[in-house]
Protein backbone atom coordinates (compact mmCIF):
# COMPACT_ATOMS: atom_id res chain seq x y z
CA MET A 1 99.60 127.54 93.35
CA ARG A 2 102.52 125.29 92.45
CA PHE A 3 104.41 123.36 95.08
CA HIS A 4 107.86 122.06 94.24
CA LEU A 5 108.24 119.26 96.76
CA ILE A 6 111.50 117.76 95.54
CA ASP A 7 114.82 119.31 96.66
CA ARG A 8 117.16 116.63 95.37
CA ILE A 9 117.09 113.42 93.40
CA GLU A 10 119.33 111.06 95.35
CA THR A 11 119.19 107.94 93.16
CA LEU A 12 117.55 107.13 89.86
CA THR A 13 117.54 104.00 87.73
CA ALA A 14 115.80 104.81 84.45
CA ARG A 15 112.47 103.00 83.94
CA GLU A 16 112.84 101.40 87.38
CA SER A 17 113.02 103.59 90.48
CA ILE A 18 113.84 106.92 92.07
CA THR A 19 114.65 108.18 95.55
CA ALA A 20 114.22 111.91 96.11
CA ARG A 21 114.13 114.15 99.16
CA LYS A 22 112.33 117.18 100.51
CA VAL A 23 113.63 119.14 103.50
CA THR A 24 110.63 120.73 105.21
CA SER A 25 110.65 124.13 106.89
CA LEU A 26 108.26 125.89 109.25
CA GLU A 27 108.49 128.86 106.86
CA GLU A 28 106.44 127.00 104.23
CA THR A 29 102.78 127.98 104.01
CA TYR A 30 101.04 124.61 103.92
CA TRP A 31 101.24 123.47 107.57
CA GLN A 32 97.95 122.62 109.23
CA ALA A 33 97.13 122.51 112.92
CA ALA A 34 97.38 119.08 114.56
CA PRO A 35 97.32 117.89 118.21
CA ASP A 36 101.14 117.54 118.33
CA GLY A 37 101.86 120.78 116.45
CA PRO A 38 102.00 121.76 112.79
CA ALA A 39 101.64 118.88 110.31
CA MET A 40 102.03 118.54 106.56
CA PRO A 41 98.67 117.74 104.94
CA PHE A 42 98.47 114.08 103.88
CA GLY A 43 97.74 115.14 100.30
CA LEU A 44 101.01 117.07 100.05
CA ALA A 45 103.06 114.09 101.23
CA LEU A 46 101.33 112.05 98.52
CA GLU A 47 101.99 114.88 96.04
CA ALA A 48 105.71 114.77 96.92
CA LEU A 49 105.74 111.06 96.08
CA CYS A 50 103.90 111.71 92.81
CA GLN A 51 106.36 114.49 91.91
CA ALA A 52 109.25 112.08 92.43
CA ALA A 53 107.47 109.59 90.15
CA THR A 54 107.00 112.31 87.53
CA TRP A 55 110.74 113.05 87.56
CA LEU A 56 111.42 109.33 87.13
CA ILE A 57 109.16 109.23 84.07
CA MET A 58 110.54 112.45 82.56
CA ILE A 59 114.20 111.53 82.99
CA SER A 60 113.55 107.94 81.82
CA THR A 61 112.01 109.25 78.58
CA ASP A 62 114.59 111.99 77.96
CA HIS A 63 111.94 114.54 78.98
CA ARG A 64 109.53 113.50 76.20
CA LEU A 65 106.79 112.23 78.51
CA ARG A 66 105.33 113.49 81.75
CA ALA A 67 103.10 111.67 84.21
CA ALA A 68 99.58 112.97 84.84
CA LEU A 69 97.95 111.35 87.85
CA LEU A 70 94.79 109.39 87.07
CA ALA A 71 94.22 107.35 90.24
CA VAL A 72 95.80 105.98 93.39
CA GLY A 73 94.81 102.43 94.25
CA GLU A 74 95.55 102.76 97.95
CA ALA A 75 97.37 105.30 100.11
CA THR A 76 98.01 104.92 103.83
CA ALA A 77 99.37 107.58 106.18
CA HIS A 78 101.27 106.18 109.17
CA ARG A 79 102.02 109.44 111.00
CA ASP A 80 102.16 113.19 110.56
CA VAL A 81 105.17 114.98 109.07
CA ALA A 82 106.47 117.87 111.21
CA PRO A 83 108.40 120.98 110.18
CA GLY A 84 112.15 120.37 109.85
CA GLU A 85 111.83 116.70 108.93
CA VAL A 86 113.46 115.36 105.78
CA LEU A 87 111.11 113.37 103.58
CA ARG A 88 112.50 110.63 101.36
CA MET A 89 110.25 109.56 98.51
CA HIS A 90 110.93 106.24 96.83
CA ALA A 91 108.89 105.30 93.76
CA THR A 92 109.13 102.14 91.67
CA ILE A 93 107.67 101.59 88.23
CA GLU A 94 105.62 98.40 88.25
CA SER A 95 104.72 98.67 84.54
CA MET A 96 105.08 101.30 81.83
CA THR A 97 104.10 101.84 78.20
CA ASP A 98 104.20 105.01 76.10
CA GLU A 99 100.62 105.74 77.24
CA ALA A 100 100.57 104.91 80.95
CA ALA A 101 102.61 103.93 83.99
CA LEU A 102 101.74 102.12 87.20
CA LEU A 103 103.90 102.86 90.24
CA ASP A 104 104.16 102.07 93.93
CA GLY A 105 105.97 104.17 96.51
CA THR A 106 106.75 105.18 100.05
CA VAL A 107 107.57 108.36 101.92
CA THR A 108 109.88 107.94 104.90
CA VAL A 109 111.43 110.14 107.60
CA ASP A 110 114.65 108.80 109.13
CA GLY A 111 113.81 105.35 107.75
CA GLU A 112 110.30 105.34 109.28
CA SER A 113 107.44 104.99 106.83
CA VAL A 114 105.04 107.95 107.00
CA LEU A 115 103.08 107.12 103.84
CA GLU A 116 102.69 104.15 101.50
CA ALA A 117 100.89 104.22 98.15
CA THR A 118 100.22 101.44 95.68
CA GLY A 119 98.60 101.41 92.28
CA ILE A 120 99.57 104.97 91.34
CA LEU A 121 98.19 105.12 87.79
CA CYS A 122 99.44 107.88 85.52
CA ALA A 123 98.69 108.81 81.93
CA LEU A 124 101.87 109.67 80.07
CA ILE A 125 101.48 112.82 78.03
CA ASP A 126 103.71 114.89 75.78
CA ALA A 127 105.83 116.89 78.23
CA GLU A 128 105.96 119.90 75.91
CA ARG A 129 102.23 120.42 76.52
CA LEU A 130 102.96 121.43 80.11
CA ASP A 131 106.48 122.87 80.32
CA ASP A 132 109.37 124.00 78.19
CA PRO A 133 111.62 120.92 77.75
CA GLU A 134 114.76 123.00 78.29
CA ASP A 135 113.40 124.27 81.62
CA THR A 136 112.70 120.72 82.80
CA ARG A 137 116.16 119.54 81.65
CA ARG A 138 117.75 122.41 83.57
CA MET A 139 115.73 121.63 86.70
CA ALA A 140 116.49 117.90 86.42
CA HIS A 141 120.20 118.74 86.18
CA GLN A 142 119.95 120.86 89.33
CA LEU A 143 117.95 118.23 91.23
CA GLN A 144 120.56 115.61 90.40
CA GLY A 145 123.28 117.74 91.97
CA GLY A 146 124.55 119.39 88.81
CA GLY A 147 124.16 122.96 90.04
CA PRO A 148 122.81 125.86 88.01
CA VAL A 149 122.85 125.62 84.25
CA GLY A 150 123.56 128.80 82.30
């Protein structure tokens, strides 16, 4: 199953950083039971951050390269994410070559940190191996507020 956990790219500085968002809904199928009500699994909040980082890599390389997660140095959850909350993922490239990238990032809700991750190590692979480049360009255009592309 594929989860698209980015609704909008809010800011992007190529080869530096990205801020993206995800508006959550109770209608989504991934909620798990928690003492205070439904909660997003920790792994999906981390996945949302990694998806933002992947968009940063793809857009920074004109969709030539895509990030494939190899390892996360450290990830800390600060609190659960509840349905209806708006996640903001901010990822920063610490170093990048044509073969690999190292990133750090946070996921926040209303300015409160819900997850921090450091040492996100990604192999950079030929994006065409995974998706049609025109499809990813179209989606990137939409995520950056450009609307549908015909």
